[in-house]
Protein backbone atom coordinates (compact mmCIF):
# COMPACT_ATOMS: atom_id res chain seq x y z
CA MET A 1 -10.98 142.68 -13.85
CA ARG A 2 -8.09 141.65 -16.03
CA GLU A 3 -8.46 138.26 -17.52
CA ARG A 4 -5.68 135.68 -17.12
CA GLU A 5 -3.68 134.59 -20.05
CA PRO A 6 -4.40 131.08 -21.36
CA TRP A 7 -0.85 129.83 -20.40
CA GLN A 8 -1.39 131.21 -16.96
CA GLN A 9 -4.65 129.33 -16.61
CA ASP A 10 -2.94 126.09 -17.68
CA ALA A 11 0.28 126.64 -15.76
CA GLU A 12 -1.07 127.59 -12.37
CA PRO A 13 -3.02 124.36 -11.71
CA GLY A 14 -0.01 122.45 -12.97
CA GLY A 15 2.25 124.37 -10.61
CA ILE A 16 -0.12 123.67 -7.77
CA ARG A 17 -0.11 119.96 -8.65
CA LEU A 18 3.71 120.01 -8.80
CA ARG A 19 3.99 121.73 -5.47
CA ARG A 20 1.52 119.31 -4.00
CA LEU A 21 3.47 116.41 -5.47
CA ASN A 22 6.70 117.83 -4.06
CA ILE A 23 5.10 118.30 -0.71
CA LEU A 24 3.71 114.75 -0.87
CA MET A 25 7.12 113.38 -1.80
CA ILE A 26 8.76 115.38 0.97
CA LEU A 27 6.17 114.20 3.47
CA LEU A 28 6.54 110.62 2.21
CA ALA A 29 10.31 110.87 2.35
CA ALA A 30 10.12 112.40 5.82
CA ALA A 31 7.74 109.65 6.95
CA LEU A 32 9.96 106.99 5.47
CA ALA A 33 13.01 108.65 6.97
CA PHE A 34 11.32 108.75 10.35
CA VAL A 35 10.32 105.09 10.08
CA LEU A 36 13.81 104.25 8.90
CA LEU A 37 15.28 106.20 11.80
CA TYR A 38 12.98 104.40 14.21
CA ALA A 39 13.86 101.02 12.73
CA THR A 40 17.56 101.87 13.04
CA TYR A 41 17.01 102.85 16.65
CA GLN A 42 15.28 99.53 17.29
CA THR A 43 18.13 97.71 15.57
CA VAL A 44 20.69 99.40 17.79
CA ALA A 45 18.50 98.63 20.80
CA SER A 46 18.39 94.96 19.84
CA TYR A 47 22.14 94.98 19.35
CA SER A 48 22.60 96.65 22.75
CA ALA A 49 20.35 94.03 24.33
CA MET A 50 22.60 91.35 22.84
CA LEU A 51 25.68 93.00 24.31
CA GLU A 52 23.95 93.40 27.66
CA ALA A 53 23.00 89.71 27.63
CA THR A 54 26.62 88.82 26.95
CA GLU A 55 27.88 91.02 29.79
CA THR A 56 25.29 89.53 32.14
CA TYR A 57 26.35 86.01 31.17
CA ILE A 58 30.01 86.79 31.82
CA ALA A 59 29.23 88.20 35.25
CA CYS A 60 26.93 85.29 36.14
CA GLN A 61 29.50 82.82 34.88
CA GLN A 62 32.03 84.39 37.24
CA ASP A 63 29.54 84.11 40.12
CA ALA A 64 29.12 80.38 39.47
CA ALA A 65 32.89 79.96 39.25
CA ASP A 66 33.30 81.83 42.57
CA MET A 67 30.77 79.52 44.22
CA LYS A 68 32.69 76.43 43.10
CA ALA A 69 36.08 77.92 43.94
CA ALA A 70 34.99 78.89 47.45
CA SER A 71 33.45 75.46 48.10
CA ASP A 72 36.61 73.73 46.84
CA TYR A 73 38.73 76.03 48.98
CA LEU A 74 36.81 75.07 52.13
CA THR A 75 37.24 71.41 51.23
CA ASP A 76 40.97 71.80 50.70
CA GLN A 77 41.49 73.61 53.99
CA VAL A 78 39.50 71.12 56.10
CA ARG A 79 41.27 68.20 54.45
CA TYR A 80 44.67 69.73 55.00
CA PHE A 81 43.78 70.39 58.64
CA THR A 82 42.47 66.89 59.40
CA VAL A 83 45.52 65.30 57.80
CA THR A 84 48.25 67.62 59.12
CA GLY A 85 46.68 69.23 62.18
CA ASP A 86 48.16 72.58 61.09
CA LEU A 87 46.01 75.31 62.70
CA ALA A 88 46.75 77.69 59.82
CA TYR A 89 44.42 75.63 57.62
CA MET A 90 41.68 75.92 60.22
CA ASP A 91 42.16 79.72 60.29
CA HIS A 92 41.95 79.84 56.49
CA PHE A 93 38.74 77.80 56.61
CA PHE A 94 36.96 80.12 59.05
CA ALA A 95 38.29 83.25 57.33
CA GLU A 96 36.63 82.12 54.11
CA LEU A 97 33.49 80.96 55.92
CA GLN A 98 32.93 84.02 58.11
CA THR A 99 34.84 86.92 56.53
CA THR A 100 35.47 86.49 52.80
CA ARG A 101 32.11 84.76 52.19
CA ARG A 102 32.64 84.29 48.47
CA ARG A 103 29.80 81.79 48.22
CA GLU A 104 27.18 84.11 49.69
CA ASN A 105 28.50 87.09 47.72
CA ALA A 106 28.38 85.10 44.47
CA LEU A 107 24.75 84.09 45.08
CA ALA A 108 23.76 87.65 46.01
CA ASP A 109 25.36 89.05 42.86
CA LEU A 110 23.66 86.41 40.70
CA GLU A 111 20.26 87.20 42.25
CA SER A 112 20.78 90.91 41.55
CA ARG A 113 21.37 90.14 37.87
CA VAL A 114 18.98 87.28 37.06
CA SER A 115 16.52 87.14 39.96
CA ASP A 116 13.63 84.66 39.94
CA THR A 117 15.33 82.33 37.49
CA GLU A 118 16.15 78.65 37.67
CA ALA A 119 19.86 79.50 37.54
CA VAL A 120 19.53 81.20 40.93
CA SER A 121 17.82 78.10 42.35
CA TYR A 122 20.69 75.91 41.17
CA LEU A 123 23.24 78.15 42.85
CA THR A 124 21.02 78.36 45.95
CA ASP A 125 20.95 74.55 46.07
CA ALA A 126 24.74 74.51 45.71
CA LEU A 127 25.10 76.91 48.64
CA GLY A 128 22.70 74.85 50.73
CA ARG A 129 24.62 71.65 50.04
CA SER A 130 27.87 73.44 50.75
CA ASN A 131 26.52 74.68 54.10
CA THR A 132 25.47 71.11 54.93
CA LEU A 133 29.02 70.00 54.21
CA VAL A 134 30.32 72.84 56.40
CA GLN A 135 28.55 71.25 59.38
CA ARG A 136 30.25 67.97 58.60
CA GLU A 137 33.59 69.74 58.11
CA VAL A 138 33.34 71.63 61.42
CA TYR A 139 32.53 68.36 63.19
CA ALA A 140 35.56 66.71 61.58
CA MET A 141 37.77 69.60 62.70
CA ARG A 142 36.41 69.28 66.25
CA LEU A 143 37.31 65.57 66.17
CA THR A 144 40.80 66.48 64.97
CA CYS A 145 41.23 69.02 67.77
CA GLU A 146 40.10 66.44 70.33
CA GLY A 147 42.39 63.79 68.89
CA ARG A 148 45.38 66.13 68.86
CA GLY A 149 44.66 67.56 72.28
CA TYR A 150 44.17 71.21 71.24
CA ALA A 151 42.77 73.49 73.93
CA LEU A 152 39.21 74.54 73.02
CA SER A 153 39.77 78.01 74.51
CA SER A 154 42.18 78.82 71.68
CA LEU A 155 39.83 77.60 68.93
CA PRO A 156 37.07 79.47 67.05
CA ASP A 157 33.68 79.66 68.76
CA ALA A 158 32.10 77.45 66.12
CA LEU A 159 34.36 74.58 67.14
CA GLY A 160 33.80 75.16 70.83
CA GLU A 161 30.03 75.06 70.29
CA THR A 162 30.22 71.79 68.35
CA VAL A 163 29.39 68.84 70.61
CA LEU A 164 30.75 65.40 69.82
CA SER A 165 28.48 62.39 70.08
CA GLU A 166 28.93 60.17 73.12
CA ALA A 167 30.36 57.39 70.97
CA ASP A 168 32.86 59.69 69.27
CA SER A 169 33.89 61.21 72.59
CA ARG A 170 34.92 57.78 73.89
CA LEU A 171 37.15 57.05 70.89
CA SER A 172 40.91 57.05 71.30
CA PRO A 173 42.80 60.12 69.97
CA GLU A 174 44.06 58.09 67.03
CA ALA A 175 40.56 56.82 66.22
CA GLN A 176 39.16 60.36 66.46
CA GLN A 177 41.76 61.66 64.00
CA SER A 178 41.11 58.72 61.67
CA LEU A 179 37.34 59.32 61.83
CA ALA A 180 37.85 63.04 61.09
CA ILE A 181 39.88 62.24 57.99
CA SER A 182 37.31 59.68 56.86
CA MET A 183 34.47 62.20 57.21
CA VAL A 184 36.03 64.57 54.65
CA PHE A 185 37.34 61.91 52.27
CA ASP A 186 34.62 59.24 52.28
CA GLU A 187 32.10 58.50 49.55
CA THR A 188 29.31 60.45 51.27
CA TYR A 189 31.44 63.60 51.33
CA SER A 190 32.59 63.11 47.73
CA SER A 191 28.99 62.52 46.62
CA GLN A 192 27.92 65.83 48.17
CA LYS A 193 30.85 67.62 46.52
CA ASN A 194 29.90 66.11 43.17
CA GLN A 195 26.32 67.30 43.64
CA ILE A 196 27.55 70.83 44.40
CA ASN A 197 29.65 70.77 41.23
CA GLN A 198 26.65 69.40 39.33
CA ASP A 199 24.47 72.26 40.58
CA VAL A 200 27.11 74.78 39.48
CA SER A 201 27.38 73.07 36.09
CA GLU A 202 23.59 73.09 35.68
CA CYS A 203 23.60 76.80 36.54
CA LEU A 204 26.29 77.51 33.94
CA ASP A 205 24.51 75.39 31.30
CA LEU A 206 21.22 77.19 31.94
CA LEU A 207 22.90 80.60 31.76
CA LEU A 208 24.59 79.62 28.51
CA ARG A 209 21.34 78.34 26.99
CA THR A 210 19.48 81.46 28.05
CA THR A 211 22.18 83.71 26.61
CA ARG A 212 22.19 81.79 23.34
CA GLU A 213 18.42 82.06 23.11
CA GLU A 214 18.60 85.80 23.73
CA HIS A 215 21.33 86.11 21.11
CA ALA A 216 19.29 84.08 18.63
CA GLN A 217 16.21 86.22 19.29
CA SER A 218 18.24 89.41 18.97
CA SER A 219 19.77 88.15 15.72
CA THR A 220 16.31 87.35 14.38
CA ASP A 221 15.05 90.79 15.36
CA LEU A 222 18.09 92.40 13.79
CA LEU A 223 17.62 90.50 10.54
CA SER A 224 13.91 91.33 10.41
CA ARG A 225 14.50 95.01 11.02
CA LEU A 226 17.29 95.13 8.50
CA ARG A 227 15.05 93.66 5.83
CA GLN A 228 12.49 96.35 6.60
CA GLN A 229 15.21 98.91 6.21
CA GLU A 230 16.13 97.45 2.82
CA PHE A 231 12.56 97.96 1.62
CA MET A 232 12.42 101.54 2.81
CA VAL A 233 15.83 102.30 1.37
CA ALA A 234 14.61 100.98 -1.99
CA VAL A 235 11.66 103.41 -1.86
CA LEU A 236 13.94 106.30 -0.92
CA LEU A 237 16.48 105.37 -3.59
CA ILE A 238 14.95 107.61 -6.26
CA MET A 239 14.60 110.62 -3.98
CA PHE A 240 17.73 110.30 -1.95
CA PHE A 241 20.14 108.16 -3.90
CA ALA A 242 23.17 109.52 -2.16
CA MET A 243 21.61 109.03 1.26
CA VAL A 244 20.59 105.49 0.35
CA PHE A 245 24.07 104.74 -0.95
CA LEU A 246 25.76 106.00 2.20
CA THR A 247 23.23 104.31 4.47
CA SER A 248 23.60 101.00 2.67
CA ARG A 249 27.35 101.23 2.62
CA LEU A 250 27.87 102.49 6.14
CA VAL A 251 24.98 100.85 8.00
CA ILE A 252 23.16 98.01 6.25
CA ARG A 253 26.06 95.99 4.86
CA PRO A 254 28.14 96.13 8.06
CA MET A 255 25.13 95.14 10.13
CA MET A 256 24.34 92.18 7.87
CA ALA A 257 27.94 91.11 8.03
CA ALA A 258 27.95 91.54 11.80
CA ILE A 259 25.04 89.13 12.17
CA SER A 260 26.92 86.49 10.18
CA TYR A 261 30.01 86.96 12.31
CA ILE A 262 27.91 86.76 15.47
CA ARG A 263 26.28 83.54 14.30
CA ARG A 264 29.71 82.07 13.54
CA GLN A 265 30.89 83.32 16.97
CA GLU A 266 33.68 85.39 15.45
CA GLU A 267 34.88 88.91 16.10
CA LEU A 268 33.19 91.66 14.10
CA PRO A 269 35.14 93.61 11.48
CA LEU A 270 35.54 97.30 12.24
CA ASP A 271 33.61 98.45 9.19
CA GLY A 272 30.81 100.92 8.58
CA SER A 273 29.86 104.08 10.38
CA TYR A 274 31.45 105.36 13.55
CA GLU A 275 28.55 104.05 15.63
CA LEU A 276 28.81 100.57 14.13
CA ARG A 277 32.57 100.52 14.53
CA PHE A 278 32.13 101.57 18.15
CA LEU A 279 29.55 98.84 18.71
CA ALA A 280 31.75 96.31 16.91
CA GLU A 281 34.73 97.32 19.01
CA THR A 282 32.65 97.03 22.18
CA TYR A 283 31.29 93.65 21.13
CA ASN A 284 34.78 92.42 20.18
CA ARG A 285 36.16 93.48 23.55
CA ILE A 286 33.41 91.61 25.38
CA PHE A 287 33.75 88.65 23.02
CA ARG A 288 37.50 88.42 23.64
CA GLN A 289 37.03 88.82 27.37
CA ASN A 290 34.40 86.08 27.38
CA ARG A 291 36.66 83.77 25.37
CA GLU A 292 39.61 84.53 27.62
CA ASN A 293 37.49 83.84 30.70
CA GLN A 294 36.34 80.54 29.23
CA ASP A 295 39.90 79.58 28.28
CA LYS A 296 41.12 80.60 31.72
CA LEU A 297 38.43 78.59 33.49
CA SER A 298 39.15 75.61 31.26
CA TYR A 299 42.91 75.93 31.89
CA GLU A 300 42.49 76.35 35.64
CA ALA A 301 40.15 73.36 35.77
CA GLU A 302 42.88 71.08 34.34
CA HIS A 303 46.15 72.62 35.54
CA ASP A 304 47.87 72.98 38.87
CA ALA A 305 48.26 76.65 39.81
CA LEU A 306 51.65 76.20 41.51
CA THR A 307 53.56 74.11 38.95
CA GLY A 308 51.63 74.63 35.72
CA LEU A 309 51.36 70.86 35.28
CA TYR A 310 48.12 69.00 34.68
CA ASN A 311 46.19 68.51 37.92
CA ARG A 312 44.42 65.53 39.51
CA SER A 313 41.20 66.22 37.63
CA ALA A 314 43.00 66.08 34.28
CA PHE A 315 44.79 62.92 35.41
CA GLU A 316 41.50 61.19 36.10
CA LYS A 317 40.22 62.20 32.65
CA LEU A 318 43.38 61.01 30.83
CA ARG A 319 44.02 58.02 33.03
CA SER A 320 42.53 55.64 30.44
CA MET A 321 45.54 56.41 28.21
CA SER A 322 47.81 54.55 30.67
CA ARG A 323 45.83 51.33 30.22
CA ARG A 324 47.09 50.85 26.68
CA ARG A 325 49.75 48.24 26.13
CA SER A 326 51.90 50.84 24.42
CA SER A 327 51.83 53.22 27.40
CA ALA A 328 53.46 53.48 30.81
CA LEU A 329 52.40 55.05 34.11
CA LEU A 330 54.97 56.55 36.50
CA LEU A 331 54.04 57.56 40.04
CA VAL A 332 56.53 60.00 41.54
CA ASP A 333 56.84 60.92 45.21
CA VAL A 334 59.14 63.64 46.62
CA ASP A 335 61.01 62.04 49.52
CA LYS A 336 60.90 63.73 52.93
CA PHE A 337 59.00 66.70 51.52
CA LYS A 338 57.24 67.31 54.82
CA THR A 339 60.69 67.72 56.42
CA VAL A 340 61.51 70.43 53.85
CA ASN A 341 58.27 72.27 54.62
CA ASP A 342 58.78 71.99 58.37
CA THR A 343 62.45 73.04 58.19
CA TYR A 344 62.49 75.73 55.52
CA GLY A 345 58.87 76.83 55.32
CA HIS A 346 56.11 76.44 52.74
CA ASP A 347 57.51 79.10 50.40
CA VAL A 348 60.69 77.07 49.96
CA GLY A 349 58.59 73.93 49.71
CA ASP A 350 56.61 75.48 46.87
CA ARG A 351 59.82 76.42 45.06
CA VAL A 352 61.07 72.85 45.46
CA LEU A 353 57.84 71.52 43.92
CA GLN A 354 58.21 73.96 41.03
CA LYS A 355 61.77 72.80 40.52
CA VAL A 356 60.70 69.15 40.53
CA ALA A 357 58.00 69.97 37.97
CA SER A 358 60.53 71.78 35.76
CA ILE A 359 63.01 68.88 35.89
CA LEU A 360 60.32 66.31 35.10
CA ARG A 361 59.08 68.45 32.22
CA SER A 362 62.58 68.74 30.76
CA SER A 363 63.38 65.06 31.33
CA PHE A 364 60.46 63.60 29.40
CA ARG A 365 59.13 63.98 25.89
CA ALA A 366 56.66 66.61 24.82
CA GLU A 367 54.13 63.90 24.05
CA ASP A 368 54.29 62.55 27.62
CA ARG A 369 51.73 63.97 30.05
CA ILE A 370 52.98 65.12 33.48
CA PHE A 371 50.57 65.67 36.38
CA ARG A 372 50.68 66.92 39.95
CA ILE A 373 48.13 64.66 41.65
CA GLY A 374 48.78 65.58 45.28
CA GLY A 375 50.87 67.77 47.57
CA ASP A 376 54.21 66.14 46.72
CA GLU A 377 52.91 63.47 44.37
CA PHE A 378 53.32 63.51 40.60
CA ALA A 379 52.33 61.16 37.81
CA ILE A 380 53.59 60.73 34.25
CA ILE A 381 51.76 59.00 31.42
CA MET A 382 54.21 57.99 28.68
CA THR A 383 52.83 57.12 25.26
CA HIS A 384 54.44 54.66 22.86
CA ALA A 385 56.44 53.24 25.76
CA GLY A 386 56.99 49.54 26.44
CA GLN A 387 59.31 47.64 28.76
CA GLU A 388 62.18 48.12 26.33
CA LEU A 389 62.35 51.71 27.62
CA ALA A 390 62.90 50.64 31.24
CA ASP A 391 66.62 51.45 31.17
CA LEU A 392 65.94 54.84 29.61
CA VAL A 393 63.31 55.67 32.24
CA GLU A 394 65.66 54.60 35.02
CA ARG A 395 68.43 56.83 33.64
CA LYS A 396 66.04 59.76 33.45
CA ILE A 397 65.03 59.31 37.09
CA ARG A 398 68.65 58.80 38.17
CA ASP A 399 69.65 62.01 36.36
CA ALA A 400 66.71 63.91 37.91
CA ASN A 401 67.70 62.72 41.38
CA ARG A 402 71.31 63.73 40.79
CA ARG A 403 70.19 67.25 39.86
CA LEU A 404 67.82 67.48 42.83
CA GLN A 405 70.34 66.14 45.35
CA ASN A 406 73.07 68.49 44.18
CA PRO A 407 71.24 71.81 43.86
CA GLU A 408 72.97 74.92 42.60
CA ASP A 409 70.12 77.30 43.30
CA GLY A 410 70.23 77.44 47.10
CA LEU A 411 67.21 75.16 47.54
CA PRO A 412 67.46 72.19 49.92
CA PRO A 413 68.27 68.82 48.32
CA VAL A 414 65.41 66.41 47.73
CA SER A 415 65.01 63.14 45.87
CA LEU A 416 62.34 61.25 43.96
CA SER A 417 60.96 57.77 44.53
CA VAL A 418 59.33 56.43 41.38
CA GLY A 419 57.13 53.43 40.68
CA VAL A 420 56.65 52.40 37.04
CA ALA A 421 54.09 50.10 35.42
CA PHE A 422 54.22 49.43 31.67
CA GLY A 423 51.16 48.51 29.69
CA ASP A 424 52.90 45.27 28.59
CA ARG A 425 54.10 44.43 32.13
CA PRO A 426 54.13 40.76 33.25
CA ASP A 427 51.37 39.46 35.56
CA PRO A 428 49.38 42.70 35.55
CA THR A 429 46.41 43.40 37.81
CA GLU A 430 43.33 45.08 36.43
CA ASP A 431 44.53 48.52 37.57
CA ILE A 432 47.83 49.89 36.22
CA TYR A 433 47.70 52.65 38.86
CA LYS A 434 47.71 50.03 41.60
CA ASP A 435 50.67 48.26 39.98
CA ALA A 436 52.66 51.50 39.68
CA ASP A 437 51.82 52.27 43.31
CA THR A 438 53.06 48.81 44.32
CA ALA A 439 56.36 49.49 42.55
CA LEU A 440 56.58 52.91 44.23
CA TYR A 441 56.33 51.39 47.68
CA GLN A 442 59.18 49.03 46.87
CA VAL A 443 61.35 52.13 46.62
CA LYS A 444 59.79 53.99 49.55
CA ASN A 445 60.24 51.01 51.86
CA THR A 446 63.90 50.45 50.98
CA THR A 447 66.42 53.06 49.84
CA ARG A 448 64.13 55.83 48.51
CA ALA A 449 65.56 58.01 45.75
CA GLY A 450 65.17 55.31 43.11
CA CYS A 451 63.00 53.77 40.43
CA ALA A 452 61.22 50.39 40.61
CA PHE A 453 59.31 48.59 37.87
CA TYR A 454 56.25 46.45 38.52
CA GLY A 455 56.94 42.79 37.78
CA THR A 456 60.71 43.27 38.12
CA GLU A 457 62.80 42.83 41.25
CA TYR A 458 63.87 46.21 42.55
CA ARG A 459 67.60 46.88 42.42
CA PRO A 460 68.90 50.08 44.04
CA SER A 461 70.84 52.33 41.66
CA GLN A 462 74.62 52.67 41.68
CA ASP A 463 74.12 55.95 43.55
CA ALA A 464 72.60 54.05 46.47
CA SER A 465 75.20 55.39 48.87
CA GLU A 466 74.16 58.95 48.07
CA ASP A 467 70.50 57.99 48.19
CA ASP A 468 70.91 56.32 51.61
CA ALA A 469 72.69 59.39 52.89
CA TYR A 470 69.84 61.62 51.70
CA ALA A 471 67.22 59.26 53.13
CA ALA A 472 68.65 59.99 56.56
CA ILE A 473 67.82 63.72 56.24
């Protein structure tokens, strides 16, 4: 047998060792690559869980908003019906209660998303309280029907099945109508409404806290996994420098940056690999939608949908501003507005209210706050306004009435009665709203279409002849 050369004897074991080392490095690199791939998969899964939590929160937030909106809608319809007796409001009430069923649908959707959670119990409590109020509301509508002499055969079955107490049955029609109005406006009713709103708020707060906790946990998981990836990338750096460079540039750095943006509640930059850019774009779209929904809910909570002015809720929040000595409160009432609605219809009435809102907005300063606090009732809080501006305010109201009484847009003429109370008014009571209301009734009980100031004798404007003529409409 031929003997091996000495270099062959030395080289072959070395070659075997080199091949073994290469195989070991390949196996190590493959193992590290597999672990790195798995860690990346877990990172994406954590990121997807964060996005899913955000989507769930948005949907649940909408469910809570639907519950509140439906409850408020029922309240509005029953109040309108007890005050006006208009059967259309009763039809709207039962359509929402029996057909649309937004409250029940909102609760069912919430249960399908976050079942067996405290948030569901809050919304369940809200629905239960709302259903309790429905019984009270149906009873009030039955009282209204009795007081107004409506035939029960033409009314919904729920009203026909509602039996009045013996004491309520013996009341006069006027007393029955008054009792019906009291039942949906008294403190007991308002307390129940506040509790419903509190339940909805608790539900939203709990959903928000849960989502934040899930986001925080996902962020922690992401950061932990990314640090593991950094270690593995460092090990692979020698063997796969190019791969490490691309991975770090296209995956690690964008992900680290994304976590910082998420923690600061900002949109993610569209950097990194295609997958990360896609995830960032998806997250940004959900983030913007969530922010828009929050802004929309906030706007709708403080603004009147018809006129775009601040609503009654915002007025109650900002009402303290009118108590300052350097402020003024104006209460504005559209004269004979019910006649406009009855004569021309509610669509024209709505356009008249929008026109009134537009004229008030253009007549006062940007710093003044204008509110629609009722059907045809408005309020204005003027800042940096003392009694020295009384003549200016009166001219503004006179000019607004002139524009409203001489329309050029085909709308029926209307006028405004205004009561004003300045913060530095003489002989004030404790409530500036009450003083402005007192001044308003000075106008309403005389000529209408004018402006009265609390603490000052009311003098009809020079256009009193026109105002008297309009008051006869």
